[in-house]
Protein backbone atom coordinates (compact mmCIF):
# COMPACT_ATOMS: atom_id res chain seq x y z
CA MET A 1 0.00 0.00 0.00
CA GLU A 2 1.41 3.40 -1.03
CA PRO A 3 1.81 5.96 1.77
CA THR A 4 -0.89 8.61 1.89
CA THR A 5 -0.03 12.30 1.94
CA LEU A 6 -2.09 14.59 4.14
CA ASN A 7 -4.20 16.88 1.95
CA VAL A 8 -7.65 18.13 2.94
CA ASN A 9 -8.73 21.48 1.53
CA SER A 10 -12.51 20.97 1.54
CA GLU A 11 -15.26 18.85 3.05
CA ILE A 12 -16.37 17.48 -0.33
CA GLY A 13 -13.30 16.82 -2.48
CA LYS A 14 -13.05 13.21 -3.65
CA LEU A 15 -12.02 11.04 -0.69
CA ASN A 16 -8.80 9.06 -1.20
CA SER A 17 -7.86 7.90 2.31
CA VAL A 18 -9.43 7.95 5.77
CA ILE A 19 -8.86 6.71 9.33
CA VAL A 20 -11.63 4.82 11.14
CA HIS A 21 -11.89 2.60 14.20
CA LEU A 22 -14.01 -0.53 14.39
CA PRO A 23 -15.77 -0.43 17.78
CA GLY A 24 -14.85 -3.36 19.99
CA ALA A 25 -14.68 -4.53 23.60
CA GLU A 26 -14.05 -0.99 24.83
CA VAL A 27 -17.70 -0.23 23.99
CA GLU A 28 -18.94 -3.31 25.86
CA ASN A 29 -16.92 -2.26 28.89
CA MET A 30 -19.39 0.55 29.48
CA THR A 31 -22.04 0.13 32.16
CA PRO A 32 -24.94 2.41 33.13
CA GLU A 33 -22.75 3.54 36.02
CA ASN A 34 -19.71 4.59 34.00
CA ALA A 35 -21.44 5.64 30.76
CA GLU A 36 -21.84 9.25 31.90
CA ARG A 37 -18.14 9.46 32.75
CA SER A 38 -17.43 8.27 29.20
CA LEU A 39 -19.74 11.04 27.90
CA TYR A 40 -22.43 8.62 26.77
CA SER A 41 -26.10 9.09 27.60
CA ASP A 42 -26.74 5.43 26.78
CA ILE A 43 -24.83 2.16 26.45
CA LEU A 44 -24.39 0.44 23.09
CA ASN A 45 -25.03 -3.18 22.26
CA LEU A 46 -21.91 -4.17 20.33
CA SER A 47 -23.51 -7.19 18.66
CA VAL A 48 -26.08 -4.85 17.10
CA ALA A 49 -23.72 -1.92 16.45
CA LEU A 50 -21.05 -3.98 14.63
CA PRO A 51 -23.20 -5.08 11.66
CA GLU A 52 -24.34 -1.47 11.28
CA TYR A 53 -20.75 -0.25 11.40
CA ASN A 54 -19.56 -2.90 8.93
CA GLY A 55 -22.13 -1.71 6.39
CA PHE A 56 -20.71 1.79 6.71
CA LEU A 57 -17.11 0.53 6.59
CA ASN A 58 -17.67 -1.63 3.49
CA VAL A 59 -18.99 1.38 1.59
CA LEU A 60 -15.90 3.42 2.51
CA LYS A 61 -13.63 0.60 1.33
CA LYS A 62 -15.20 0.73 -2.15
CA PHE A 63 -14.10 4.33 -2.62
CA ALA A 64 -10.98 4.98 -0.53
CA THR A 65 -8.00 3.51 1.30
CA VAL A 66 -9.17 2.87 4.84
CA TYR A 67 -6.76 2.79 7.79
CA GLU A 68 -7.82 1.28 11.12
CA VAL A 69 -6.61 2.96 14.32
CA LYS A 70 -5.82 -0.34 16.04
CA ASP A 71 -3.64 -1.51 13.13
CA LEU A 72 -1.78 1.81 13.01
CA LEU A 73 -1.32 1.77 16.77
CA THR A 74 0.02 -1.80 16.72
CA ASP A 75 2.60 -0.75 14.14
CA ILE A 76 3.88 2.28 16.02
CA VAL A 77 4.15 0.75 19.48
CA ALA A 78 6.61 -1.70 17.92
CA ILE A 79 8.90 1.35 17.57
CA ASN A 80 10.68 1.88 20.89
CA GLU A 81 10.78 5.67 20.63
CA ALA A 82 7.07 5.88 19.76
CA ARG A 83 6.09 3.46 22.51
CA GLY A 84 8.09 5.40 25.08
CA GLU A 85 6.62 8.74 23.97
CA LEU A 86 3.03 7.49 24.03
CA LEU A 87 3.27 5.70 27.37
CA GLY A 88 5.15 8.61 28.89
CA LYS A 89 2.38 11.07 27.97
CA LEU A 90 -0.32 8.68 29.15
CA CYS A 91 1.32 7.85 32.47
CA ARG A 92 2.10 11.49 33.31
CA TYR A 93 -1.29 12.90 32.31
CA TYR A 94 -3.36 10.32 34.16
CA ASP A 95 -0.87 9.80 37.01
CA ILE A 96 -0.70 6.07 36.35
CA SER A 97 1.35 4.02 38.79
CA LYS A 98 4.94 3.08 37.97
CA GLU A 99 4.03 -0.62 38.23
CA VAL A 100 1.36 -0.31 35.53
CA CYS A 101 3.58 1.79 33.28
CA ILE A 102 6.34 -0.83 33.45
CA TYR A 103 3.78 -3.56 32.78
CA MET A 104 2.56 -1.78 29.62
CA GLN A 105 6.12 -1.16 28.46
CA GLN A 106 6.77 -4.92 28.46
CA LEU A 107 3.70 -5.97 26.44
CA GLU A 108 3.93 -7.22 22.86
CA PRO A 109 2.81 -4.58 20.31
CA ALA A 110 -0.56 -6.15 19.41
CA GLU A 111 -1.42 -6.76 23.07
CA LEU A 112 -0.36 -3.27 24.10
CA ALA A 113 -2.48 -1.73 21.33
CA ARG A 114 -5.45 -3.81 22.44
CA GLN A 115 -5.13 -2.83 26.08
CA LEU A 116 -4.56 0.85 25.30
CA ILE A 117 -7.95 0.80 23.57
CA GLU A 118 -9.92 -1.75 25.62
CA GLY A 119 -8.43 -0.84 28.99
CA VAL A 120 -5.73 -2.18 31.32
CA GLU A 121 -7.43 -4.11 34.10
CA MET A 122 -6.35 -3.23 37.62
CA ASN A 123 -4.31 -5.86 39.42
CA LYS A 124 -6.10 -6.29 42.76
CA ASN A 125 -2.88 -7.31 44.52
CA THR A 126 -2.99 -4.80 47.37
CA LEU A 127 -5.65 -3.99 49.93
CA THR A 128 -6.00 -0.50 48.45
CA ALA A 129 -6.51 -1.91 44.97
CA TYR A 130 -8.91 -4.52 46.31
CA PHE A 131 -11.07 -1.82 47.88
CA ASP A 132 -10.88 0.36 44.76
CA GLU A 133 -14.21 0.31 42.89
CA GLU A 134 -12.41 1.14 39.64
CA LYS A 135 -11.94 -1.88 37.36
CA TYR A 136 -9.16 -0.39 35.22
CA SER A 137 -5.74 1.12 35.84
CA VAL A 138 -5.98 2.58 32.32
CA ARG A 139 -9.56 3.15 31.28
CA PRO A 140 -11.02 1.99 27.95
CA VAL A 141 -11.64 4.54 25.18
CA PRO A 142 -15.22 3.83 24.01
CA ASN A 143 -15.36 7.11 22.04
CA LEU A 144 -12.43 6.15 19.81
CA PHE A 145 -14.67 5.09 16.93
CA PHE A 146 -15.54 8.79 16.57
CA THR A 147 -12.14 9.32 14.94
CA ARG A 148 -13.04 12.84 13.83
CA ASP A 149 -12.84 14.26 17.36
CA ALA A 150 -9.26 13.66 18.51
CA SER A 151 -7.62 15.01 15.35
CA PHE A 152 -8.61 16.72 12.12
CA SER A 153 -6.91 17.51 8.82
CA ILE A 154 -6.42 21.01 7.44
CA GLY A 155 -4.34 21.20 4.28
CA ASN A 156 -1.21 19.10 4.76
CA LYS A 157 -1.37 19.03 8.56
CA ALA A 158 -3.05 16.79 11.09
CA MET A 159 -4.28 19.04 13.86
CA ILE A 160 -4.23 17.37 17.27
CA SER A 161 -7.27 18.25 19.35
CA LYS A 162 -7.33 19.37 22.95
CA MET A 163 -10.37 17.58 24.30
CA ALA A 164 -12.81 19.38 26.57
CA SER A 165 -12.97 16.33 28.86
CA LYS A 166 -9.91 14.81 30.47
CA VAL A 167 -11.34 11.32 29.96
CA ARG A 168 -10.87 11.69 26.18
CA GLN A 169 -7.34 13.10 26.07
CA HIS A 170 -6.10 9.49 25.89
CA GLU A 171 -7.38 9.42 22.27
CA THR A 172 -5.32 12.43 21.25
CA PHE A 173 -2.13 10.83 22.59
CA ILE A 174 -2.80 7.80 20.40
CA MET A 175 -3.54 9.86 17.28
CA GLU A 176 -0.62 12.25 17.74
CA THR A 177 1.83 9.36 18.09
CA ILE A 178 0.41 7.72 14.96
CA PHE A 179 0.89 10.90 12.93
CA ASN A 180 4.38 11.43 14.31
CA TYR A 181 5.66 7.93 13.65
CA HIS A 182 3.66 5.90 11.14
CA SER A 183 5.37 5.58 7.76
CA ALA A 184 2.05 5.13 5.92
CA ILE A 185 1.07 8.76 6.55
CA LYS A 186 3.15 11.59 5.11
CA GLY A 187 2.61 15.02 6.61
CA GLU A 188 3.03 17.09 9.74
CA SER A 189 1.07 17.02 12.96
CA LEU A 190 0.40 20.20 14.88
CA ASN A 191 -0.80 20.34 18.48
CA LEU A 192 -2.56 23.70 18.32
CA VAL A 193 -3.12 24.27 22.03
CA ASN A 194 0.40 23.24 23.00
CA GLU A 195 1.83 25.43 20.26
CA PHE A 196 -0.19 28.62 20.57
CA THR A 197 -1.59 29.10 24.07
CA GLU A 198 -1.04 28.47 27.76
CA SER A 199 -4.71 28.95 28.59
CA LYS A 200 -6.21 26.11 30.59
CA LYS A 201 -9.59 27.03 29.10
CA ALA A 202 -8.50 26.18 25.55
CA SER A 203 -10.13 23.16 23.94
CA ILE A 204 -10.87 22.32 20.32
CA GLU A 205 -12.31 19.13 18.82
CA GLY A 206 -12.49 17.96 15.22
CA GLY A 207 -16.27 17.65 15.09
CA ASP A 208 -16.42 21.44 15.37
CA VAL A 209 -14.04 22.17 12.47
CA LEU A 210 -15.26 22.14 8.87
CA VAL A 211 -12.93 22.97 5.97
CA ALA A 212 -14.96 24.92 3.44
CA ARG A 213 -12.08 25.98 1.24
CA GLU A 214 -8.31 26.29 1.51
CA ASP A 215 -8.78 29.76 2.98
CA VAL A 216 -12.12 29.27 4.78
CA LEU A 217 -12.91 27.33 7.96
CA ILE A 218 -16.24 27.05 9.78
CA ILE A 219 -15.94 26.29 13.50
CA GLY A 220 -18.47 25.59 16.22
CA ASN A 221 -18.05 27.36 19.55
CA GLY A 222 -19.81 25.44 22.29
CA ALA A 223 -19.29 22.86 25.00
CA ARG A 224 -16.33 21.21 23.27
CA SER A 225 -14.47 24.00 21.42
CA THR A 226 -13.89 27.16 23.42
CA SER A 227 -13.06 30.63 22.16
CA GLN A 228 -9.55 30.14 23.54
CA GLY A 229 -9.21 26.95 21.49
CA ILE A 230 -10.48 28.64 18.33
CA ASP A 231 -7.99 31.47 18.89
CA THR A 232 -5.18 28.92 18.45
CA LEU A 233 -6.40 28.32 14.89
CA VAL A 234 -6.43 32.08 14.35
CA GLU A 235 -2.78 32.15 15.44
CA HIS A 236 -2.02 29.31 13.03
CA PHE A 237 -3.76 31.13 10.18
CA LYS A 238 -1.72 34.27 10.88
CA LEU A 239 1.32 32.33 9.67
CA LYS A 240 -0.28 31.45 6.32
CA PRO A 241 0.14 33.68 3.26
CA GLY A 242 -2.87 35.59 1.97
CA VAL A 243 -6.21 36.41 3.57
CA GLN A 244 -7.83 33.64 5.64
CA HIS A 245 -11.37 33.40 6.98
CA ILE A 246 -12.86 31.65 10.00
CA ILE A 247 -16.64 31.63 10.43
CA VAL A 248 -17.58 30.83 14.02
CA GLN A 249 -21.04 29.52 14.92
CA GLU A 250 -22.07 29.66 18.56
CA LEU A 251 -23.73 26.44 19.72
CA PRO A 252 -26.02 25.66 22.66
CA HIS A 253 -24.25 23.83 25.49
CA LYS A 254 -27.37 21.71 26.01
CA PRO A 255 -28.86 19.38 24.97
CA GLU A 256 -25.91 17.11 24.19
CA SER A 257 -27.03 16.65 20.57
CA PHE A 258 -25.35 20.04 19.91
CA ILE A 259 -22.01 18.63 21.00
CA HIS A 260 -20.29 19.71 17.76
CA LEU A 261 -21.05 21.92 14.76
CA ASP A 262 -21.29 18.91 12.44
CA MET A 263 -24.40 17.84 14.35
CA THR A 264 -26.14 20.93 12.92
CA PHE A 265 -24.35 21.70 9.64
CA THR A 266 -22.48 19.62 7.03
CA PHE A 267 -21.53 20.03 3.37
CA LEU A 268 -23.33 17.88 0.79
CA ASP A 269 -22.26 19.24 -2.61
CA LYS A 270 -20.81 22.32 -4.30
CA ASP A 271 -24.21 24.00 -3.92
CA LYS A 272 -25.94 22.12 -1.08
CA ALA A 273 -25.55 21.94 2.70
CA MET A 274 -27.44 20.03 5.36
CA VAL A 275 -28.67 22.38 8.09
CA TYR A 276 -30.57 22.15 11.33
CA GLU A 277 -32.77 25.06 10.43
CA PRO A 278 -33.77 26.38 13.88
CA LEU A 279 -30.13 27.00 14.81
CA ILE A 280 -28.46 27.72 11.48
CA LEU A 281 -31.17 29.81 9.78
CA GLY A 282 -33.72 30.63 12.47
CA SER A 283 -33.90 33.63 14.75
CA ASN A 284 -32.03 32.81 17.96
CA ARG A 285 -29.46 34.19 20.37
CA PHE A 286 -26.53 32.21 18.97
CA LEU A 287 -24.14 34.43 17.04
CA THR A 288 -22.37 33.82 13.76
CA ILE A 289 -18.99 35.58 13.77
CA HIS A 290 -16.69 36.16 10.79
CA LEU A 291 -12.96 36.54 11.50
CA THR A 292 -10.80 37.80 8.64
CA ILE A 293 -7.08 37.16 9.14
CA ASP A 294 -4.43 38.91 7.05
CA GLY A 295 -1.09 38.29 8.67
CA ASN A 296 -1.23 39.80 12.15
CA LYS A 297 -4.30 41.87 11.28
CA VAL A 298 -7.57 40.31 12.47
CA SER A 299 -10.99 41.86 11.92
CA ILE A 300 -14.17 40.52 13.54
CA LYS A 301 -17.80 41.11 12.56
CA GLU A 302 -21.19 39.48 13.04
CA GLU A 303 -22.96 37.73 10.15
CA GLU A 304 -26.60 36.86 9.63
CA ASN A 305 -25.80 33.12 9.44
CA ILE A 306 -23.25 30.65 8.05
CA LEU A 307 -24.77 30.51 4.56
CA SER A 308 -24.88 34.30 4.29
CA ALA A 309 -21.24 34.54 5.38
CA LEU A 310 -20.16 31.88 2.88
CA ARG A 311 -22.08 33.59 0.08
CA LYS A 312 -19.95 36.70 0.57
CA LEU A 313 -16.92 34.47 0.03
CA ASN A 314 -18.33 33.08 -3.25
CA ILE A 315 -19.52 29.79 -1.75
CA ASP A 316 -23.24 29.74 -2.50
CA LEU A 317 -25.09 26.87 -0.79
CA GLU A 318 -28.76 25.99 -0.77
CA PRO A 319 -29.95 24.50 2.53
CA VAL A 320 -31.46 21.04 2.87
CA SER A 321 -33.31 20.83 6.17
CA CYS A 322 -32.61 18.15 8.76
CA GLY A 323 -35.99 16.62 9.64
CA GLY A 324 -37.73 18.44 6.79
CA THR A 325 -39.33 21.87 6.96
CA LYS A 326 -42.88 21.19 8.13
CA ASP A 327 -42.69 20.21 11.78
CA ILE A 328 -40.24 21.38 14.44
CA THR A 329 -40.82 18.16 16.38
CA PHE A 330 -39.38 16.06 13.56
CA MET A 331 -36.50 18.51 13.10
CA GLU A 332 -35.61 18.17 16.77
CA ARG A 333 -35.99 14.39 16.80
CA GLU A 334 -33.84 13.80 13.75
CA GLN A 335 -31.18 16.32 14.78
CA TRP A 336 -30.94 14.40 18.08
CA GLN A 337 -30.36 11.23 16.03
CA SER A 338 -27.41 12.77 14.10
CA GLY A 339 -29.68 13.65 11.19
CA ALA A 340 -27.50 16.56 10.08
CA ASN A 341 -24.25 14.59 10.30
CA PHE A 342 -23.35 13.64 6.72
CA PHE A 343 -20.01 12.62 5.25
CA ALA A 344 -19.04 13.32 1.64
CA ILE A 345 -17.23 10.70 -0.44
CA GLN A 346 -17.03 13.23 -3.26
CA PRO A 347 -19.12 16.22 -4.33
CA GLY A 348 -22.78 15.22 -4.16
CA ILE A 349 -22.11 11.63 -2.98
CA VAL A 350 -22.71 11.45 0.78
CA MET A 351 -23.45 9.01 3.60
CA GLY A 352 -25.89 9.33 6.51
CA TYR A 353 -28.26 7.39 8.75
CA GLU A 354 -31.32 5.85 7.07
CA ARG A 355 -33.38 6.10 10.27
CA ASN A 356 -33.83 9.84 9.76
CA ILE A 357 -36.56 9.35 7.19
CA ARG A 358 -37.70 12.97 6.88
CA THR A 359 -34.13 14.14 6.38
CA ILE A 360 -33.58 11.51 3.70
CA ASP A 361 -36.87 12.52 2.07
CA ALA A 362 -35.71 16.16 2.06
CA MET A 363 -32.51 15.05 0.31
CA SER A 364 -34.50 13.08 -2.25
CA GLN A 365 -36.53 16.20 -2.99
CA ALA A 366 -33.25 18.10 -3.37
CA GLY A 367 -32.17 15.71 -6.14
CA PHE A 368 -30.22 13.05 -4.24
CA GLU A 369 -30.78 9.47 -5.38
CA VAL A 370 -31.39 7.38 -2.27
CA MET A 371 -29.67 4.00 -1.97
CA SER A 372 -28.73 1.68 0.88
CA ASP A 373 -25.26 0.60 1.92
CA GLU A 374 -26.20 -2.98 0.94
CA GLN A 375 -27.05 -1.87 -2.61
CA VAL A 376 -23.73 -0.09 -2.95
CA VAL A 377 -21.67 -2.95 -1.52
CA ASN A 378 -23.37 -5.67 -3.60
CA GLY A 379 -23.15 -3.54 -6.74
CA SER A 380 -26.85 -3.33 -7.50
CA LYS A 381 -26.57 0.47 -7.35
CA ASP A 382 -23.57 2.66 -8.09
CA PRO A 383 -23.73 6.17 -6.63
CA LEU A 384 -21.30 7.35 -9.30
CA ASP A 385 -24.04 6.76 -11.90
CA TYR A 386 -25.90 9.73 -10.44
CA GLN A 387 -25.17 13.43 -10.20
CA ARG A 388 -26.13 13.29 -6.53
CA ALA A 389 -26.67 10.32 -4.22
CA VAL A 390 -27.15 9.67 -0.53
CA ILE A 391 -25.99 6.27 0.73
CA THR A 392 -28.04 5.34 3.78
CA ILE A 393 -26.38 3.39 6.56
CA LYS A 394 -27.99 1.51 9.41
CA GLY A 395 -27.75 3.43 12.64
CA ASN A 396 -30.40 2.44 15.15
CA GLU A 397 -27.65 1.37 17.56
CA LEU A 398 -24.69 3.44 16.35
CA SER A 399 -26.61 6.69 16.64
CA ARG A 400 -27.07 6.07 20.35
CA GLY A 401 -23.37 6.84 20.70
CA GLY A 402 -24.10 10.46 19.77
CA GLY A 403 -22.55 10.75 16.32
CA GLY A 404 -22.95 9.94 12.64
CA ALA A 405 -20.98 9.26 9.47
CA ARG A 406 -18.84 12.39 9.68
CA CYS A 407 -18.02 11.74 13.33
CA MET A 408 -16.78 8.23 12.48
CA THR A 409 -14.31 9.35 9.78
CA MET A 410 -11.01 11.22 9.88
CA PRO A 411 -10.05 12.01 6.25
CA LEU A 412 -6.36 12.07 5.42
CA ASN A 413 -6.44 12.90 1.74
CA ARG A 414 -9.01 14.41 -0.61
CA ASP A 415 -8.67 15.71 -4.14
CA ASN A 416 -8.50 19.48 -4.23
CA PHE A 417 -11.86 21.02 -5.04
CA LYS A 418 -12.35 24.34 -6.82
CA TRP A 419 -15.50 26.26 -5.99
């Protein structure tokens, strides 16, 4: 397999390579008691979620090179320097005991990768450990299959997130080490928060960052990405030649379905975007801010909404409404079920959950041919035969994790797209 070079300059350019993670035992390690700590409002049934995920995965494999986090992690922990760096960060950040750190250092690569994802069980060999209600010395990472969150690609760089919750920082250590050491991925990683700020309030997660164009980002400002975190991207953009634009959309902190911008807004085609209308286009108290960056000069102004701001930058998108346009109840229900969270394979060819029937109907009315993942995988329908197509994936169980097709993908390389 040829190495892939980092290159993402839009949300819709033809997908060439992507990182995913097949959910495994780390998901089954959740209980009603620890689900909230893992940022889940529910627990997933892996035996139901896996067939749904495999349908999604098999579609991706028809169109792009797909890398699996666990495979990449297994490869890099076989490199002594990478293993030492990763375990050092993990042990220091979570104050893991010396005994456990030595134990992990001695594991074979495949076993270490497994335990870093599924959890390192606590050895109940002391009275203190015996009394400890915690099962793990190193906790599982059940959110890892949302590979978009812990890192995100902009241009030829993999940006390493600073997670809003300490429980998820584990994922960023894994992804940063992969980008720093794996020979299959060519490009630089950049830890924005470490590089550009000392603020303890700074956090930024990939689900909030959408690449509209090489010089235009759209970023959600809410529970997961703070203004201090977004300012680190401003600092990064100051170093780039030419004028750069960041459009910031304020998000509600509750309910949790507004966790990231891509739960309310995603790109579908060169002239179409999926929107949760009450937030993106409706009258509300959540601001849309346009930052223009020209070297060290930064100007800030309010915009009517994201689409209006993009139009001024010669990106003219028609909205397709999550949940349809007739009933706010259905809009709210389908937004809660990741109905706005679509992932583009190329312009006009996108993936999303089939369960959101009014959203899919709205896409059909907007000219998207509707087909199932089974039809695409078995060859009975080819999305490339159509100008626009939406590939529906099963998600009755997966959607309970709080994310959709975009959340579960971390693109590495897309063809450049000219608006």
